[in-house]
Structure formats: structure tokens, C-alpha cells
């Protein structure tokens, strides 16, 4: 059976299920209220912010060199020492998904009921900014791949705004923009279905929303009307049940074009100004999700595993040089997203995965040698950033 026939048959059996995970509700603090000044250690025990003997707050623990992950399987974010594993966890919101970290030491996590604002130096949540999209449209805060609420998230280059893609179950999503000073939502823009990823242009003039279930990217300019760019190198056959949809994108530093990998076979390069696309061949031959770009322009793409086990390869990390030459590093089990160290030598790949097969850790990859090691990191870690 060829790939298109196999995937067409698979789409028929999965369209009504929409590849959703089983949700489970969990009670959360009321949106918009600052939380108590505390964190949790990996064992789940509360630990107070350190206090000096004279009663003043002692210096918070150092964060430089640590990683931060969103615990999609819990309601927290976890600080991870890349050498030893989890260092502390902080309450965020229900099933936090995407993650963005600013130069001011604040992190922004897209949870089901709002955007969590985390002080990474003090290791505490400062606020939970509720979505302007009504709770009636989002449904109750739950877990699972297609739960309502925040998915992709990104900060503007000047740090003044955070942009979050809000998933509306059963309909088109919304891009909400939050002023990072006032913590108020300043703009809402309709986008496509299931906004998995959000990116910002190098000059901050445009926001790019990758919409998984509508096979497109919404370009949202700072001024003017949004534009839809279809990104469907395999076509849109199969609709919601198709596997051949966009997941994550990255902005190429050299020219501002968007890079969207598909199935370890095609890298779609989109010019967001014109809407035109070109396709470059890839070699991993595996279903692909997260993508990041290293400082030198190397592209890293997470391969989650085969769609058709009879012909597709297993999980991998594609290391694609600016020349287009690719090197594949095998991974043990499915993964979801990836980030890279500031020196470009190490990749960190989250094991959370939005579908079945996830695990509670990250894989640390030496990009020079290809050596890998697994490290515990929170509960079903999905989004990841280097502090």
C-alpha cells in the first residue's frame, strides 16, 4: 500500500477521534491572582523561598544554565539542571503547553485557562492572565492534546508583548496579545484551527501562527488585516484525521522565511511577505514535530516516529546544516519539541509528546558527536527553553 493510500485509510478511521488524548480535569487557582511565594521540589514537597537570618529574603537560586520545561502532564513548570535533572517545580496552570522566556527573567507559559507569568529567578508564579476568549468557548480546563486554551506562544523582540495561540475546541482559534507590563490583553485576532505554534518576525512587525488542523499559517501584521497562507505539501485530503499537517515552524535568521518540516521528506520554506513556498527534500522519513534554529543557522527537527511502520523510520533528531546537508541522530522513543544551547553545541529534546508514547524526561544531544543521554525532567515535558 503506498503512503497516500495508507494515510487516506488511516484518516477515515481517525477523523472523528481527531487524535485527542484522554482529558482529565484538575482544579486550578482563580485566573489572574498571584500565587503564593513558593516552589515545589521534584518530590512534590513545598519549599519556601530562602530567607536570611535577619528575616529578609535571601538571594534566589541561580538560574543561568538551567532549562525550563512546561509539564503538560501536570499543572507546573519545572527547572532542570542539564547535568542532574529536576531542581524545582512551580505551579503554572492546567496542562501548560508552549513556553517563552524574556531577557527580564520572566517566563510565559500557555496554560489551558490563561498565560502563566513565572519569575524564574525567585521561582514563583507572579500571575495567571486569563484569556479574553470566553470560557464557554474554551470549555473547562483539562488535559490532552486538543484541550481548549493556550498552545503556541512567543515574545516580541522588544519584550513588550507576548502572543499566544488559543485553541477553541471544534472551531477556529484566536491569537491573543498581552501587554507584558500591564498584563492586559490588548488584541485578539481570529486564526486557524489548533494553533500549535506561534513565531514572531525578526523586527517584530508580524506574528506567524501555525494552525495544525487547517493546514495553514496565519500572518498577523502589527497593522492591517491578517493573511492566510496554506501550507499543505501533501494536500488537505483527510481533513482533521490527516497526519500530513503542519505542526511547528521556525523563522530562518538569514532571510526571515518560515521553515516547516513534514514527515522527514519535505521542508516547506515560506516567504511570509508573498505567501509563496518552495520545497526542499529531507531525509529522516519519520513524522516530525518540533523545530528550532541554532545560532549558526543549523536547523534541528524532532522526528516522533513512523506513521506507517512498514516503511517509515523511528524517532530521530535531524541536524540540517545551512547548506541543506542533513545528519540524523536516533532517539529512544517519541519526543515533541527542541531547543539548543547558546553555544550551539547541545540540543535538548522534550519527551512529553502530545500523543501516546510520551515519557517524563528530555534527551540531551551532543551535536558534535551525536551522543545522547536521557534525563528526568518534570511530568510529560513539552515546551522547553534555556534560561
Foldseek 3Di string as FASTA:
>chain_A
DDPVVVLLVQLVVCVVVLQKDDKDADDDPDAWDFDDLWWAAPVGHIDHQPADPVGHGDFFDDAAQWKWFFFQVAQWIFIARPVAGTGIIEGFGHRWAAKEADPVQWIWTKFQFFIWIARNRSGYTGGGQGDPPDCVQQDHGIGILQHWTWAAKYAAPVRQKIWTWTAGPPFWIKIWIAGPPVRDTDDIATDGHQQNYWDAFPNRQWIWTFHFQVQWIWIGGPDDHIDIAHHQPPDCNSGSSGLFGWAYWEQQVVQRWIWTDTQQFWTWTADVVVSDIDIDGGHQRAGWHAWDAAPQGWIWIWGFQHPDVVPGGGTWIWTAHPVRDIDTQHDDHGFHYWDADNVRQKIKTHQLDSHPTGDQWIWIAGPVPSDIDTHGYHHSTHYMDRD
